[in-house]
PDB file of N, CA and C in Angstrom:
ATOM      1  N   UNK A   1    -159.548  23.630 121.611  1.00  0.00           N
ATOM      2  CA  UNK A   1    -158.556  24.110 120.646  1.00  0.00           C
ATOM      3  C   UNK A   1    -157.743  22.830 120.020  1.00  0.00           C
ATOM      4  N   UNK A   2    -157.390  23.081 118.748  1.00  0.00           N
ATOM      5  CA  UNK A   2    -156.389  22.063 118.051  1.00  0.00           C
ATOM      6  C   UNK A   2    -155.396  22.715 117.654  1.00  0.00           C
ATOM      7  N   UNK A   3    -154.260  22.220 117.469  1.00  0.00           N
ATOM      8  CA  UNK A   3    -152.968  22.742 116.822  1.00  0.00           C
ATOM      9  C   UNK A   3    -152.633  21.606 115.869  1.00  0.00           C
ATOM     10  N   UNK A   4    -152.261  22.093 114.546  1.00  0.00           N
ATOM     11  CA  UNK A   4    -152.045  21.300 113.737  1.00  0.00           C
ATOM     12  C   UNK A   4    -150.339  21.979 113.179  1.00  0.00           C
ATOM     13  N   UNK A   5    -149.320  20.946 113.304  1.00  0.00           N
ATOM     14  CA  UNK A   5    -148.018  21.528 112.643  1.00  0.00           C
ATOM     15  C   UNK A   5    -147.882  20.642 111.236  1.00  0.00           C
ATOM     16  N   UNK A   6    -147.710  21.695 110.315  1.00  0.00           N
ATOM     17  CA  UNK A   6    -147.404  21.027 108.932  1.00  0.00           C
ATOM     18  C   UNK A   6    -146.207  21.653 108.271  1.00  0.00           C
ATOM     19  N   UNK A   7    -145.689  20.749 107.357  1.00  0.00           N
ATOM     20  CA  UNK A   7    -144.484  20.960 106.848  1.00  0.00           C
ATOM     21  C   UNK A   7    -144.619  21.103 105.214  1.00  0.00           C
ATOM     22  N   UNK A   8    -144.213  21.983 104.456  1.00  0.00           N
ATOM     23  CA  UNK A   8    -144.099  21.898 103.188  1.00  0.00           C
ATOM     24  C   UNK A   8    -143.110  22.767 102.395  1.00  0.00           C
ATOM     25  N   UNK A   9    -142.183  22.368 101.799  1.00  0.00           N
ATOM     26  CA  UNK A   9    -140.894  22.959 101.425  1.00  0.00           C
ATOM     27  C   UNK A   9    -139.845  23.501 102.464  1.00  0.00           C
ATOM     28  N   UNK A  10    -139.967  22.506 103.224  1.00  0.00           N
ATOM     29  CA  UNK A  10    -139.003  22.748 104.531  1.00  0.00           C
ATOM     30  C   UNK A  10    -139.434  23.652 105.628  1.00  0.00           C
ATOM     31  N   UNK A  11    -140.663  24.284 105.242  1.00  0.00           N
ATOM     32  CA  UNK A  11    -140.985  25.206 106.300  1.00  0.00           C
ATOM     33  C   UNK A  11    -142.152  24.618 107.129  1.00  0.00           C
ATOM     34  N   UNK A  12    -142.420  25.376 108.377  1.00  0.00           N
ATOM     35  CA  UNK A  12    -143.100  24.534 109.467  1.00  0.00           C
ATOM     36  C   UNK A  12    -144.285  25.635 109.504  1.00  0.00           C
ATOM     37  N   UNK A  13    -145.568  25.211 109.672  1.00  0.00           N
ATOM     38  CA  UNK A  13    -146.936  26.179 109.391  1.00  0.00           C
ATOM     39  C   UNK A  13    -147.515  25.547 111.016  1.00  0.00           C
ATOM     40  N   UNK A  14    -148.018  26.284 111.789  1.00  0.00           N
ATOM     41  CA  UNK A  14    -148.988  25.972 112.890  1.00  0.00           C
ATOM     42  C   UNK A  14    -150.252  26.599 112.404  1.00  0.00           C
ATOM     43  N   UNK A  15    -151.413  25.700 112.712  1.00  0.00           N
ATOM     44  CA  UNK A  15    -152.767  25.934 112.431  1.00  0.00           C
ATOM     45  C   UNK A  15    -153.574  25.596 114.000  1.00  0.00           C
ATOM     46  N   UNK A  16    -153.886  26.544 114.499  1.00  0.00           N
ATOM     47  CA  UNK A  16    -154.731  26.613 115.657  1.00  0.00           C
ATOM     48  C   UNK A  16    -156.125  26.834 115.375  1.00  0.00           C
ATOM     49  N   UNK A  17    -157.131  26.029 115.619  1.00  0.00           N
ATOM     50  CA  UNK A  17    -158.389  26.072 115.232  1.00  0.00           C
ATOM     51  C   UNK A  17    -159.155  25.970 116.554  1.00  0.00           C
ATOM     52  N   UNK A  18    -160.478  26.879 116.730  1.00  0.00           N
ATOM     53  CA  UNK A  18    -161.342  26.959 117.729  1.00  0.00           C
ATOM     54  C   UNK A  18    -162.609  26.512 117.041  1.00  0.00           C
ATOM     55  N   UNK A  19    -163.296  25.202 117.348  1.00  0.00           N
ATOM     56  CA  UNK A  19    -164.503  25.157 116.728  1.00  0.00           C
ATOM     57  C   UNK A  19    -164.561  24.499 115.257  1.00  0.00           C
ATOM     58  N   UNK A  20    -163.217  23.712 114.722  1.00  0.00           N
ATOM     59  CA  UNK A  20    -163.288  23.089 113.676  1.00  0.00           C
ATOM     60  C   UNK A  20    -162.910  21.973 113.960  1.00  0.00           C
ATOM     61  N   UNK A  21    -163.775  20.925 114.247  1.00  0.00           N
ATOM     62  CA  UNK A  21    -163.160  19.653 114.932  1.00  0.00           C
ATOM     63  C   UNK A  21    -163.591  18.649 113.981  1.00  0.00           C
ATOM     64  N   UNK A  22    -162.684  18.571 113.022  1.00  0.00           N
ATOM     65  CA  UNK A  22    -162.862  17.696 111.843  1.00  0.00           C
ATOM     66  C   UNK A  22    -161.230  16.899 111.573  1.00  0.00           C
ATOM     67  N   UNK A  23    -161.352  15.762 111.221  1.00  0.00           N
ATOM     68  CA  UNK A  23    -160.118  15.166 110.735  1.00  0.00           C
ATOM     69  C   UNK A  23    -159.580  15.925 109.328  1.00  0.00           C
ATOM     70  N   UNK A  24    -158.693  16.609 109.339  1.00  0.00           N
ATOM     71  CA  UNK A  24    -158.011  17.239 108.189  1.00  0.00           C
ATOM     72  C   UNK A  24    -157.462  16.318 106.985  1.00  0.00           C
ATOM     73  N   UNK A  25    -157.932  16.441 105.531  1.00  0.00           N
ATOM     74  CA  UNK A  25    -157.208  15.724 104.836  1.00  0.00           C
ATOM     75  C   UNK A  25    -156.246  16.188 104.007  1.00  0.00           C
ATOM     76  N   UNK A  26    -156.525  17.612 103.592  1.00  0.00           N
ATOM     77  CA  UNK A  26    -155.516  18.523 102.868  1.00  0.00           C
ATOM     78  C   UNK A  26    -155.780  19.929 103.144  1.00  0.00           C
ATOM     79  N   UNK A  27    -154.919  20.815 102.927  1.00  0.00           N
ATOM     80  CA  UNK A  27    -155.269  22.427 102.913  1.00  0.00           C
ATOM     81  C   UNK A  27    -154.663  23.101 101.832  1.00  0.00           C
ATOM     82  N   UNK A  28    -155.124  24.347 101.601  1.00  0.00           N
ATOM     83  CA  UNK A  28    -154.341  25.088 100.597  1.00  0.00           C
ATOM     84  C   UNK A  28    -154.466  26.898 101.225  1.00  0.00           C
ATOM     85  N   UNK A  29    -153.683  27.530 100.688  1.00  0.00           N
ATOM     86  CA  UNK A  29    -153.826  28.822 100.920  1.00  0.00           C
ATOM     87  C   UNK A  29    -153.976  29.483  99.608  1.00  0.00           C
ATOM     88  N   UNK A  30    -155.100  30.234  99.217  1.00  0.00           N
ATOM     89  CA  UNK A  30    -155.225  31.059  97.952  1.00  0.00           C
ATOM     90  C   UNK A  30    -155.430  32.394  98.343  1.00  0.00           C
ATOM     91  N   UNK A  31    -154.300  33.319  98.043  1.00  0.00           N
ATOM     92  CA  UNK A  31    -154.537  34.718  98.399  1.00  0.00           C
ATOM     93  C   UNK A  31    -154.381  35.002  99.752  1.00  0.00           C
ATOM     94  N   UNK A  32    -155.343  35.487 100.502  1.00  0.00           N
ATOM     95  CA  UNK A  32    -155.417  35.498 102.149  1.00  0.00           C
ATOM     96  C   UNK A  32    -156.417  34.579 102.630  1.00  0.00           C
ATOM     97  N   UNK A  33    -156.795  33.775 101.769  1.00  0.00           N
ATOM     98  CA  UNK A  33    -157.769  32.580 102.410  1.00  0.00           C
ATOM     99  C   UNK A  33    -157.219  31.220 102.461  1.00  0.00           C
ATOM    100  N   UNK A  34    -157.274  30.657 103.460  1.00  0.00           N
ATOM    101  CA  UNK A  34    -157.261  29.314 103.798  1.00  0.00           C
ATOM    102  C   UNK A  34    -158.405  28.451 103.754  1.00  0.00           C
ATOM    103  N   UNK A  35    -158.000  27.350 102.967  1.00  0.00           N
ATOM    104  CA  UNK A  35    -159.137  26.467 102.265  1.00  0.00           C
ATOM    105  C   UNK A  35    -158.492  24.945 102.898  1.00  0.00           C
ATOM    106  N   UNK A  36    -159.612  24.281 103.938  1.00  0.00           N
ATOM    107  CA  UNK A  36    -159.279  22.997 104.765  1.00  0.00           C
ATOM    108  C   UNK A  36    -160.246  22.123 104.213  1.00  0.00           C
ATOM    109  N   UNK A  37    -159.778  20.816 103.584  1.00  0.00           N
ATOM    110  CA  UNK A  37    -160.653  19.756 103.092  1.00  0.00           C
ATOM    111  C   UNK A  37    -160.856  18.784 104.190  1.00  0.00           C
ATOM    112  N   UNK A  38    -161.976  18.518 104.994  1.00  0.00           N
ATOM    113  CA  UNK A  38    -162.054  17.461 106.057  1.00  0.00           C
ATOM    114  C   UNK A  38    -162.672  16.369 105.493  1.00  0.00           C
ATOM    115  N   UNK A  39    -161.991  15.016 106.099  1.00  0.00           N
ATOM    116  CA  UNK A  39    -162.442  13.788 105.859  1.00  0.00           C
ATOM    117  C   UNK A  39    -163.524  13.493 106.517  1.00  0.00           C
ATOM    118  N   UNK A  40    -164.215  12.203 106.123  1.00  0.00           N
ATOM    119  CA  UNK A  40    -165.513  11.690 106.863  1.00  0.00           C
ATOM    120  C   UNK A  40    -166.617  12.377 106.469  1.00  0.00           C
ATOM    121  N   UNK A  41    -166.752  13.845 106.452  1.00  0.00           N
ATOM    122  CA  UNK A  41    -167.757  14.596 106.135  1.00  0.00           C
ATOM    123  C   UNK A  41    -167.823  15.193 104.633  1.00  0.00           C
ATOM    124  N   UNK A  42    -166.656  14.834 104.043  1.00  0.00           N
ATOM    125  CA  UNK A  42    -166.514  15.263 102.732  1.00  0.00           C
ATOM    126  C   UNK A  42    -166.616  16.801 102.617  1.00  0.00           C
ATOM    127  N   UNK A  43    -166.391  17.882 103.357  1.00  0.00           N
ATOM    128  CA  UNK A  43    -166.776  19.072 103.674  1.00  0.00           C
ATOM    129  C   UNK A  43    -165.378  19.949 103.253  1.00  0.00           C
ATOM    130  N   UNK A  44    -165.516  20.910 102.517  1.00  0.00           N
ATOM    131  CA  UNK A  44    -164.385  21.911 102.468  1.00  0.00           C
ATOM    132  C   UNK A  44    -164.958  23.213 103.210  1.00  0.00           C
ATOM    133  N   UNK A  45    -163.808  23.720 103.942  1.00  0.00           N
ATOM    134  CA  UNK A  45    -164.151  24.930 104.804  1.00  0.00           C
ATOM    135  C   UNK A  45    -162.936  25.950 104.411  1.00  0.00           C
ATOM    136  N   UNK A  46    -163.241  27.020 104.556  1.00  0.00           N
ATOM    137  CA  UNK A  46    -162.540  28.261 104.418  1.00  0.00           C
ATOM    138  C   UNK A  46    -162.426  29.411 105.368  1.00  0.00           C
ATOM    139  N   UNK A  47    -161.430  30.025 105.669  1.00  0.00           N
ATOM    140  CA  UNK A  47    -161.283  31.197 106.551  1.00  0.00           C
ATOM    141  C   UNK A  47    -160.463  32.297 105.955  1.00  0.00           C
ATOM    142  N   UNK A  48    -160.763  33.668 106.152  1.00  0.00           N
ATOM    143  CA  UNK A  48    -159.983  34.708 105.807  1.00  0.00           C
ATOM    144  C   UNK A  48    -158.666  34.824 106.695  1.00  0.00           C
ATOM    145  N   UNK A  49    -157.520  35.130 106.077  1.00  0.00           N
ATOM    146  CA  UNK A  49    -156.384  35.251 107.097  1.00  0.00           C
ATOM    147  C   UNK A  49    -156.039  36.577 107.028  1.00  0.00           C
ATOM    148  N   UNK A  50    -155.195  37.157 107.951  1.00  0.00           N
ATOM    149  CA  UNK A  50    -154.648  38.546 107.863  1.00  0.00           C
ATOM    150  C   UNK A  50    -153.146  38.424 107.603  1.00  0.00           C
ATOM    151  N   UNK A  51    -152.968  38.758 106.304  1.00  0.00           N
ATOM    152  CA  UNK A  51    -151.700  39.056 105.931  1.00  0.00           C
ATOM    153  C   UNK A  51    -150.702  38.238 106.566  1.00  0.00           C
ATOM    154  N   UNK A  52    -149.510  38.811 107.055  1.00  0.00           N
ATOM    155  CA  UNK A  52    -148.307  38.144 107.463  1.00  0.00           C
ATOM    156  C   UNK A  52    -148.463  37.323 109.050  1.00  0.00           C
ATOM    157  N   UNK A  53    -149.467  37.960 109.856  1.00  0.00           N
ATOM    158  CA  UNK A  53    -149.570  37.247 110.848  1.00  0.00           C
ATOM    159  C   UNK A  53    -150.518  35.841 110.784  1.00  0.00           C
ATOM    160  N   UNK A  54    -151.207  35.746 109.670  1.00  0.00           N
ATOM    161  CA  UNK A  54    -151.960  34.429 109.295  1.00  0.00           C
ATOM    162  C   UNK A  54    -152.989  34.216 110.430  1.00  0.00           C
ATOM    163  N   UNK A  55    -153.681  35.126 111.225  1.00  0.00           N
ATOM    164  CA  UNK A  55    -154.577  35.151 112.031  1.00  0.00           C
ATOM    165  C   UNK A  55    -156.052  35.380 111.549  1.00  0.00           C
ATOM    166  N   UNK A  56    -156.969  34.467 111.843  1.00  0.00           N
ATOM    167  CA  UNK A  56    -158.507  34.439 111.497  1.00  0.00           C
ATOM    168  C   UNK A  56    -158.809  35.707 111.585  1.00  0.00           C
ATOM    169  N   UNK A  57    -159.621  36.084 110.377  1.00  0.00           N
ATOM    170  CA  UNK A  57    -160.320  37.535 110.349  1.00  0.00           C
ATOM    171  C   UNK A  57    -161.980  37.363 110.551  1.00  0.00           C
ATOM    172  N   UNK A  58    -162.177  35.984 110.616  1.00  0.00           N
ATOM    173  CA  UNK A  58    -163.672  35.687 110.695  1.00  0.00           C
ATOM    174  C   UNK A  58    -163.784  34.437 110.979  1.00  0.00           C
ATOM    175  N   UNK A  59    -165.356  33.604 111.014  1.00  0.00           N
ATOM    176  CA  UNK A  59    -165.454  32.610 111.169  1.00  0.00           C
ATOM    177  C   UNK A  59    -165.331  31.733 109.952  1.00  0.00           C
ATOM    178  N   UNK A  60    -165.082  30.336 110.400  1.00  0.00           N
ATOM    179  CA  UNK A  60    -165.213  29.066 109.307  1.00  0.00           C
ATOM    180  C   UNK A  60    -166.309  29.161 108.493  1.00  0.00           C
ATOM    181  N   UNK A  61    -166.242  29.318 107.090  1.00  0.00           N
ATOM    182  CA  UNK A  61    -167.143  29.160 106.077  1.00  0.00           C
ATOM    183  C   UNK A  61    -167.198  27.621 105.436  1.00  0.00           C
ATOM    184  N   UNK A  62    -168.311  26.892 105.514  1.00  0.00           N
ATOM    185  CA  UNK A  62    -168.210  25.778 104.644  1.00  0.00           C
ATOM    186  C   UNK A  62    -168.761  26.083 103.479  1.00  0.00           C
ATOM    187  N   UNK A  63    -167.935  25.570 102.523  1.00  0.00           N
ATOM    188  CA  UNK A  63    -168.124  25.826 101.105  1.00  0.00           C
ATOM    189  C   UNK A  63    -169.275  24.883 100.571  1.00  0.00           C
ATOM    190  N   UNK A  64    -169.868  25.494  99.608  1.00  0.00           N
ATOM    191  CA  UNK A  64    -170.837  24.459  98.904  1.00  0.00           C
ATOM    192  C   UNK A  64    -170.154  23.264  97.747  1.00  0.00           C
ATOM    193  N   UNK A  65    -169.132  24.070  97.009  1.00  0.00           N
ATOM    194  CA  UNK A  65    -168.537  22.855  96.071  1.00  0.00           C
ATOM    195  C   UNK A  65    -167.213  22.186  96.987  1.00  0.00           C
ATOM    196  N   UNK A  66    -167.208  21.027  96.687  1.00  0.00           N
ATOM    197  CA  UNK A  66    -166.251  20.095  97.139  1.00  0.00           C
ATOM    198  C   UNK A  66    -165.433  19.625  96.202  1.00  0.00           C
ATOM    199  N   UNK A  67    -164.066  19.550  96.546  1.00  0.00           N
ATOM    200  CA  UNK A  67    -163.211  19.099  95.382  1.00  0.00           C
ATOM    201  C   UNK A  67    -163.143  17.646  95.491  1.00  0.00           C
ATOM    202  N   UNK A  68    -162.641  17.108  94.302  1.00  0.00           N
ATOM    203  CA  UNK A  68    -162.264  15.714  94.290  1.00  0.00           C
ATOM    204  C   UNK A  68    -160.775  15.386  94.467  1.00  0.00           C
ATOM    205  N   UNK A  69    -160.348  15.040  95.603  1.00  0.00           N
ATOM    206  CA  UNK A  69    -158.894  14.631  95.670  1.00  0.00           C
ATOM    207  C   UNK A  69    -158.147  15.811  96.903  1.00  0.00           C
ATOM    208  N   UNK A  70    -157.145  15.893  96.683  1.00  0.00           N
ATOM    209  CA  UNK A  70    -156.510  16.538  97.988  1.00  0.00           C
ATOM    210  C   UNK A  70    -156.175  18.104  97.394  1.00  0.00           C
ATOM    211  N   UNK A  71    -156.056  18.953  98.212  1.00  0.00           N
ATOM    212  CA  UNK A  71    -155.908  20.434  98.060  1.00  0.00           C
ATOM    213  C   UNK A  71    -154.456  20.724  97.998  1.00  0.00           C
ATOM    214  N   UNK A  72    -153.799  21.408  97.009  1.00  0.00           N
ATOM    215  CA  UNK A  72    -152.453  21.876  97.103  1.00  0.00           C
ATOM    216  C   UNK A  72    -152.234  23.395  96.658  1.00  0.00           C
ATOM    217  N   UNK A  73    -151.236  23.534  97.391  1.00  0.00           N
ATOM    218  CA  UNK A  73    -150.721  25.121  97.153  1.00  0.00           C
ATOM    219  C   UNK A  73    -149.614  25.138  96.293  1.00  0.00           C
ATOM    220  N   UNK A  74    -149.606  25.773  95.306  1.00  0.00           N
ATOM    221  CA  UNK A  74    -148.688  25.926  94.145  1.00  0.00           C
ATOM    222  C   UNK A  74    -148.229  27.255  93.959  1.00  0.00           C
ATOM    223  N   UNK A  75    -146.882  27.427  94.183  1.00  0.00           N
ATOM    224  CA  UNK A  75    -146.252  28.679  93.977  1.00  0.00           C
ATOM    225  C   UNK A  75    -145.753  29.175  92.686  1.00  0.00           C
ATOM    226  N   UNK A  76    -146.387  30.179  92.218  1.00  0.00           N
ATOM    227  CA  UNK A  76    -146.191  30.311  90.911  1.00  0.00           C
ATOM    228  C   UNK A  76    -144.999  31.620  90.590  1.00  0.00           C
ATOM    229  N   UNK A  77    -144.077  31.758  89.900  1.00  0.00           N
ATOM    230  CA  UNK A  77    -143.104  32.704  89.609  1.00  0.00           C
ATOM    231  C   UNK A  77    -143.588  33.365  88.420  1.00  0.00           C
TER     232      UNK A  77
END
């Protein structure tokens, strides 16, 4: 089990992972899906989240397209 504490905009988020043993470069949430960009393998993974509780709803999926650069979550008003 891995646990990662991340801060953004003054709020802390905990990411607990079972089976995703990679060095994380960046991550972003789009809708109810968490995207994680791993370094070393240059792989992009995603997992569906359950609304407020942010629990995993399934298994990690490896994406075919990989971004160039960091992932970033932007909150639009």
